[in-house]
Amino acid sequence: MPTVDVVNLQLNKVGEVELPEAIWSVEPRVHLVHEVVVAQLRSRRAGTACVKTRGEVAFSNRKPYSQKKTGRARAGTRRSPLWRKGGTIFGPKPRDYFYRPPAKIRRLALKSVLSAKLKENELLIVDAFSLPEIKTKSFFESMKGLGLKKAVVVTPDPDHNLEMSARNLTDFQVLRVDGLNCYDLLRHERLVILKDSLPAIEERLLK
């Protein structure tokens, strides 16, 4: 089992913790990570793009001009896609892009990302982290004290003060264990996990 140091907010070592190999020593499955991330991004699409077809544009059905004797190409309707303000051929219509990979694939992809974070020394286990009030400056100073410039913080339970304090910082994010996902882990350079979150992560991924 890999052993990782547990530190406080001053980066002083306060203990050690053993991490299960079934989660933190998994051979990376890049293709599964790619599938899960693509599915996440697809699911975030609004899917509201819409254009009008030739049957929906607001024009009369009257023939624009005579069939013959004009010297122009034949035209039967102003709704033609070839005409300005005419209908659109094969244009987008509202649709749902949602796709959810199987649970086994999602778990294995998340294990791959977590293992990569540990292998590349991008994991930091913190003993405890809480704020007495909602204050972005306090959260930023704590991250700065840990030497972090872009990181995601994982908490075991909902922490309103932490979540609201980090909301306006584009380089930091606070996630609960049940919201842990591949995209946000890959989007940030470092992963900060509160020590109390580890049992919940094991419970989620060792099913």
Protein backbone atom coordinates (compact mmCIF):
# COMPACT_ATOMS: atom_id res chain seq x y z
CA MET A 1 0.00 0.00 0.00
CA PRO A 2 1.34 3.47 -0.83
CA THR A 3 1.94 5.67 2.21
CA VAL A 4 1.35 9.42 2.02
CA ASP A 5 2.19 12.16 4.52
CA VAL A 6 -0.63 14.07 6.17
CA VAL A 7 0.08 17.79 6.61
CA ASN A 8 -1.63 20.77 8.19
CA LEU A 9 -2.29 24.15 6.57
CA GLN A 10 1.28 25.22 7.42
CA LEU A 11 2.69 22.24 5.47
CA ASN A 12 3.96 20.61 8.66
CA LYS A 13 3.77 16.82 8.73
CA VAL A 14 1.26 15.61 11.33
CA GLY A 15 0.99 11.94 10.39
CA GLU A 16 0.82 9.33 7.67
CA VAL A 17 -1.95 7.43 5.94
CA GLU A 18 -1.98 4.25 3.88
CA LEU A 19 -3.93 4.32 0.63
CA PRO A 20 -5.51 1.16 -0.83
CA GLU A 21 -3.81 -0.09 -3.98
CA ALA A 22 -7.18 -0.89 -5.57
CA ILE A 23 -7.78 2.86 -5.90
CA TRP A 24 -4.40 4.58 -5.85
CA SER A 25 -2.19 2.11 -7.74
CA VAL A 26 -4.33 1.39 -10.78
CA GLU A 27 -2.82 1.14 -14.25
CA PRO A 28 -4.09 4.23 -16.14
CA ARG A 29 -6.88 3.55 -18.64
CA VAL A 30 -6.60 6.61 -20.86
CA HIS A 31 -9.36 5.54 -23.24
CA LEU A 32 -11.83 5.14 -20.36
CA VAL A 33 -10.90 8.53 -18.92
CA HIS A 34 -11.43 10.05 -22.36
CA GLU A 35 -14.86 8.41 -22.68
CA VAL A 36 -16.00 9.64 -19.27
CA VAL A 37 -14.74 13.21 -19.79
CA VAL A 38 -16.40 13.43 -23.21
CA ALA A 39 -19.64 12.17 -21.68
CA GLN A 40 -19.41 14.83 -18.95
CA LEU A 41 -18.89 17.62 -21.46
CA ARG A 42 -21.67 16.30 -23.69
CA SER A 43 -24.07 16.27 -20.76
CA ARG A 44 -23.33 19.93 -20.01
CA ARG A 45 -24.47 21.05 -23.48
CA ALA A 46 -27.77 22.89 -23.54
CA GLY A 47 -28.78 21.39 -26.87
CA THR A 48 -31.04 24.35 -27.66
CA ALA A 49 -29.60 25.31 -31.08
CA CYS A 50 -32.44 25.48 -33.61
CA VAL A 51 -32.96 26.70 -37.18
CA LYS A 52 -36.01 26.79 -39.44
CA THR A 53 -36.48 24.39 -42.30
CA ARG A 54 -38.14 25.36 -45.58
CA GLY A 55 -41.45 24.29 -44.10
CA GLU A 56 -41.12 26.68 -41.15
CA VAL A 57 -39.91 29.98 -42.63
CA ALA A 58 -42.52 32.73 -42.93
CA PHE A 59 -43.04 33.09 -46.69
CA SER A 60 -46.03 32.74 -48.98
CA ASN A 61 -46.38 29.65 -51.15
CA ARG A 62 -46.81 31.90 -54.18
CA LYS A 63 -44.42 31.37 -57.07
CA PRO A 64 -41.87 34.24 -57.01
CA TYR A 65 -42.02 34.95 -60.77
CA SER A 66 -43.04 33.39 -64.03
CA GLN A 67 -41.56 30.04 -64.98
CA LYS A 68 -40.48 31.25 -68.44
CA LYS A 69 -39.50 34.38 -70.36
CA THR A 70 -37.56 36.03 -67.53
CA GLY A 71 -34.08 34.73 -68.38
CA ARG A 72 -33.64 33.67 -64.76
CA ALA A 73 -33.37 30.23 -63.23
CA ARG A 74 -36.64 28.52 -62.39
CA ALA A 75 -37.91 29.15 -58.86
CA GLY A 76 -40.99 27.66 -57.28
CA THR A 77 -40.87 29.16 -53.77
CA ARG A 78 -39.12 31.78 -51.67
CA ARG A 79 -38.69 29.16 -48.98
CA SER A 80 -35.93 27.44 -50.95
CA PRO A 81 -32.66 27.00 -49.03
CA LEU A 82 -30.90 28.51 -52.06
CA TRP A 83 -32.60 31.85 -51.45
CA ARG A 84 -31.71 34.52 -48.93
CA LYS A 85 -33.81 34.07 -45.75
CA GLY A 86 -34.91 30.67 -47.02
CA GLY A 87 -35.00 27.49 -44.96
CA THR A 88 -31.89 25.64 -43.78
CA ILE A 89 -30.95 22.15 -44.95
CA PHE A 90 -29.89 19.69 -42.24
CA GLY A 91 -29.61 22.43 -39.62
CA PRO A 92 -29.48 21.80 -35.86
CA LYS A 93 -32.63 21.04 -33.91
CA PRO A 94 -33.09 20.88 -30.12
CA ARG A 95 -31.71 17.59 -28.81
CA ASP A 96 -30.41 15.96 -25.66
CA TYR A 97 -26.67 15.20 -25.67
CA PHE A 98 -26.75 13.38 -22.31
CA TYR A 99 -24.75 10.17 -22.15
CA ARG A 100 -23.89 8.26 -18.99
CA PRO A 101 -21.20 5.55 -19.20
CA PRO A 102 -21.69 2.40 -17.12
CA ALA A 103 -20.86 2.71 -13.41
CA LYS A 104 -17.96 0.27 -13.69
CA ILE A 105 -16.31 2.41 -16.37
CA ARG A 106 -16.87 5.62 -14.39
CA ARG A 107 -15.28 4.12 -11.27
CA LEU A 108 -12.29 2.73 -13.18
CA ALA A 109 -11.72 6.05 -14.95
CA LEU A 110 -11.80 7.92 -11.63
CA LYS A 111 -9.37 5.43 -10.11
CA SER A 112 -7.04 5.99 -13.07
CA VAL A 113 -7.04 9.75 -12.54
CA LEU A 114 -6.50 9.43 -8.78
CA SER A 115 -3.62 6.99 -9.33
CA ALA A 116 -2.05 9.38 -11.83
CA LYS A 117 -2.31 12.26 -9.33
CA LEU A 118 -0.48 10.20 -6.71
CA LYS A 119 2.15 8.96 -9.15
CA GLU A 120 2.90 12.48 -10.39
CA ASN A 121 3.13 13.92 -6.83
CA GLU A 122 0.06 16.11 -7.37
CA LEU A 123 -1.78 14.77 -4.31
CA LEU A 124 -1.85 16.52 -0.95
CA ILE A 125 -3.57 15.08 2.14
CA VAL A 126 -4.56 17.77 4.64
CA ASP A 127 -5.45 16.97 8.23
CA ALA A 128 -8.28 19.54 8.51
CA PHE A 129 -9.49 22.66 6.74
CA SER A 130 -12.39 24.85 7.79
CA LEU A 131 -13.29 28.53 7.77
CA PRO A 132 -15.25 30.33 10.52
CA GLU A 133 -16.94 32.55 7.93
CA ILE A 134 -17.40 32.97 4.20
CA LYS A 135 -14.31 34.88 3.11
CA THR A 136 -12.60 34.42 -0.24
CA LYS A 137 -9.40 36.10 0.96
CA SER A 138 -9.03 33.62 3.83
CA PHE A 139 -9.48 30.66 1.49
CA PHE A 140 -6.98 32.07 -1.00
CA GLU A 141 -4.39 32.74 1.72
CA SER A 142 -4.77 29.14 2.94
CA MET A 143 -4.18 27.82 -0.57
CA LYS A 144 -1.22 30.15 -0.96
CA GLY A 145 0.21 28.84 2.32
CA LEU A 146 0.05 25.32 0.90
CA GLY A 147 1.94 26.49 -2.18
CA LEU A 148 -0.99 25.89 -4.51
CA LYS A 149 -1.85 27.93 -7.60
CA LYS A 150 -4.61 25.78 -9.10
CA ALA A 151 -6.25 23.01 -7.11
CA VAL A 152 -9.44 21.18 -6.27
CA VAL A 153 -10.27 20.54 -2.60
CA VAL A 154 -12.28 17.44 -1.67
CA THR A 155 -14.40 17.53 1.50
CA PRO A 156 -16.23 14.60 3.13
CA ASP A 157 -19.43 16.54 3.85
CA PRO A 158 -21.05 19.74 2.59
CA ASP A 159 -19.06 22.73 3.88
CA HIS A 160 -20.97 25.90 3.05
CA ASN A 161 -18.21 28.30 4.13
CA LEU A 162 -15.51 26.58 2.05
CA GLU A 163 -17.70 26.18 -1.02
CA MET A 164 -18.90 29.79 -1.01
CA SER A 165 -15.42 31.16 -0.28
CA ALA A 166 -13.94 29.37 -3.31
CA ARG A 167 -16.83 30.13 -5.66
CA ASN A 168 -15.33 33.33 -7.11
CA LEU A 169 -11.84 31.86 -7.61
CA THR A 170 -11.39 30.49 -11.12
CA ASP A 171 -8.29 28.47 -10.19
CA PHE A 172 -9.78 26.71 -7.16
CA GLN A 173 -12.77 24.50 -6.60
CA VAL A 174 -14.30 22.72 -3.61
CA LEU A 175 -15.94 19.36 -4.29
CA ARG A 176 -17.71 16.89 -2.05
CA VAL A 177 -16.76 13.22 -2.29
CA ASP A 178 -20.00 12.37 -4.06
CA GLY A 179 -19.21 15.06 -6.66
CA LEU A 180 -15.69 13.84 -7.40
CA ASN A 181 -15.25 13.54 -11.16
CA CYS A 182 -12.55 13.07 -13.81
CA TYR A 183 -13.00 16.37 -15.63
CA ASP A 184 -12.51 18.64 -12.61
CA LEU A 185 -9.54 16.58 -11.39
CA LEU A 186 -7.82 16.87 -14.76
CA ARG A 187 -8.66 20.55 -15.07
CA HIS A 188 -6.71 21.43 -11.91
CA GLU A 189 -3.01 20.89 -11.33
CA ARG A 190 -3.20 19.68 -7.72
CA LEU A 191 -5.60 17.55 -5.70
CA VAL A 192 -6.14 18.39 -2.02
CA ILE A 193 -8.05 15.81 0.00
CA LEU A 194 -9.10 16.28 3.60
CA LYS A 195 -8.12 13.24 5.65
CA ASP A 196 -11.72 12.54 6.66
CA SER A 197 -12.67 12.23 2.97
CA LEU A 198 -10.55 9.12 2.38
CA PRO A 199 -13.00 6.58 3.93
CA ALA A 200 -15.83 8.04 1.88
CA ILE A 201 -13.75 7.78 -1.32
CA GLU A 202 -12.98 4.13 -0.54
CA GLU A 203 -16.64 3.41 0.14
CA ARG A 204 -17.61 4.96 -3.19
CA LEU A 205 -14.96 3.32 -5.37
CA LEU A 206 -14.55 -0.11 -3.75
CA LYS A 207 -18.03 -1.39 -4.56
